[in-house]
Amino acid sequence: MERMCTHCHAALASDTKADWCPACGGALVERAELPSSTAKAAPAEVDHRGIVLPRRHAVGGIITPQ
């Protein structure tokens, strides 16, 4: 299960112990994780609050979903 904020949509790491979003104070909701692709991705970066940071492209910049 993946935990996300209902207000700012921040994704929290699985080992983060929080009842509320550490970024905005919004409520957290659990949802099923999206199916992973066959490509090996770099491990997710997690900041000091326990929020999963967006993936970065090998050339530079942030990969954002459309």
C-alpha atoms as a PDB file:
ATOM      1  CA  MET A   1       0.000   0.000   0.000  1.00  0.00           C
ATOM      2  CA  GLU A   2       1.136   3.512  -0.791  1.00  0.00           C
ATOM      3  CA  ARG A   3       0.357   6.452   1.496  1.00  0.00           C
ATOM      4  CA  MET A   4      -0.458   9.824  -0.070  1.00  0.00           C
ATOM      5  CA  CYS A   5      -1.699  13.180   1.189  1.00  0.00           C
ATOM      6  CA  THR A   6      -5.248  14.047   0.155  1.00  0.00           C
ATOM      7  CA  HIS A   7      -4.404  17.748  -0.017  1.00  0.00           C
ATOM      8  CA  CYS A   8      -0.940  18.159  -1.605  1.00  0.00           C
ATOM      9  CA  HIS A   9      -0.616  14.600  -3.045  1.00  0.00           C
ATOM     10  CA  ALA A  10       2.824  14.036  -1.488  1.00  0.00           C
ATOM     11  CA  ALA A  11       3.816  10.364  -1.426  1.00  0.00           C
ATOM     12  CA  LEU A  12       5.232   9.143   1.891  1.00  0.00           C
ATOM     13  CA  ALA A  13       7.901   6.486   2.256  1.00  0.00           C
ATOM     14  CA  SER A  14       6.687   3.150   3.580  1.00  0.00           C
ATOM     15  CA  ASP A  15       8.768   3.414   6.773  1.00  0.00           C
ATOM     16  CA  THR A  16       7.523   6.924   7.694  1.00  0.00           C
ATOM     17  CA  LYS A  17       5.511   6.987  10.919  1.00  0.00           C
ATOM     18  CA  ALA A  18       2.998   9.829  10.525  1.00  0.00           C
ATOM     19  CA  ASP A  19      -0.736  10.344  10.949  1.00  0.00           C
ATOM     20  CA  TRP A  20      -0.792  13.615   8.998  1.00  0.00           C
ATOM     21  CA  CYS A  21       1.178  14.904   6.018  1.00  0.00           C
ATOM     22  CA  PRO A  22       4.494  16.363   7.209  1.00  0.00           C
ATOM     23  CA  ALA A  23       4.457  18.895   4.349  1.00  0.00           C
ATOM     24  CA  CYS A  24       1.010  20.492   4.683  1.00  0.00           C
ATOM     25  CA  GLY A  25      -0.793  18.796   7.575  1.00  0.00           C
ATOM     26  CA  GLY A  26      -3.352  17.146   5.324  1.00  0.00           C
ATOM     27  CA  ALA A  27      -4.929  13.745   5.925  1.00  0.00           C
ATOM     28  CA  LEU A  28      -3.191  10.641   4.598  1.00  0.00           C
ATOM     29  CA  VAL A  29      -4.899   7.989   2.519  1.00  0.00           C
ATOM     30  CA  GLU A  30      -3.657   4.518   1.586  1.00  0.00           C
ATOM     31  CA  ARG A  31      -4.061   3.232  -1.935  1.00  0.00           C
ATOM     32  CA  ALA A  32      -2.820   0.278  -3.945  1.00  0.00           C
ATOM     33  CA  GLU A  33       0.555   0.827  -5.590  1.00  0.00           C
ATOM     34  CA  LEU A  34       0.728   1.184  -9.343  1.00  0.00           C
ATOM     35  CA  PRO A  35       2.102  -1.857 -11.164  1.00  0.00           C
ATOM     36  CA  SER A  36       5.856  -1.571 -11.618  1.00  0.00           C
ATOM     37  CA  SER A  37       7.422  -1.759 -15.044  1.00  0.00           C
ATOM     38  CA  THR A  38      10.056  -4.293 -16.022  1.00  0.00           C
ATOM     39  CA  ALA A  39      12.762  -1.594 -16.203  1.00  0.00           C
ATOM     40  CA  LYS A  40      14.999  -1.220 -13.176  1.00  0.00           C
ATOM     41  CA  ALA A  41      14.601   2.228 -11.643  1.00  0.00           C
ATOM     42  CA  ALA A  42      16.910   3.960  -9.225  1.00  0.00           C
ATOM     43  CA  PRO A  43      15.846   3.715  -5.576  1.00  0.00           C
ATOM     44  CA  ALA A  44      13.481   6.445  -4.465  1.00  0.00           C
ATOM     45  CA  GLU A  45      14.975   9.464  -2.723  1.00  0.00           C
ATOM     46  CA  VAL A  46      13.306  10.349   0.579  1.00  0.00           C
ATOM     47  CA  ASP A  47      13.734  13.739   2.270  1.00  0.00           C
ATOM     48  CA  HIS A  48      14.080  14.430   6.006  1.00  0.00           C
ATOM     49  CA  ARG A  49      10.266  14.536   6.443  1.00  0.00           C
ATOM     50  CA  GLY A  50       9.776  11.088   4.928  1.00  0.00           C
ATOM     51  CA  ILE A  51       8.315  12.350   1.652  1.00  0.00           C
ATOM     52  CA  VAL A  52       9.322  10.542  -1.547  1.00  0.00           C
ATOM     53  CA  LEU A  53      10.962  13.030  -3.926  1.00  0.00           C
ATOM     54  CA  PRO A  54      10.222  13.032  -7.682  1.00  0.00           C
ATOM     55  CA  ARG A  55      12.542  10.916  -9.837  1.00  0.00           C
ATOM     56  CA  ARG A  56      15.246  12.721 -11.797  1.00  0.00           C
ATOM     57  CA  HIS A  57      16.147  12.131 -15.418  1.00  0.00           C
ATOM     58  CA  ALA A  58      19.694  10.914 -16.155  1.00  0.00           C
ATOM     59  CA  VAL A  59      20.388  14.070 -18.179  1.00  0.00           C
ATOM     60  CA  GLY A  60      18.856  16.373 -15.573  1.00  0.00           C
ATOM     61  CA  GLY A  61      15.494  17.728 -14.553  1.00  0.00           C
ATOM     62  CA  ILE A  62      12.555  16.133 -12.778  1.00  0.00           C
ATOM     63  CA  ILE A  63      10.328  13.467 -14.315  1.00  0.00           C
ATOM     64  CA  THR A  64       6.695  14.422 -13.667  1.00  0.00           C
ATOM     65  CA  PRO A  65       3.634  12.315 -14.523  1.00  0.00           C
ATOM     66  CA  GLN A  66       1.273  13.741 -17.111  1.00  0.00           C
END
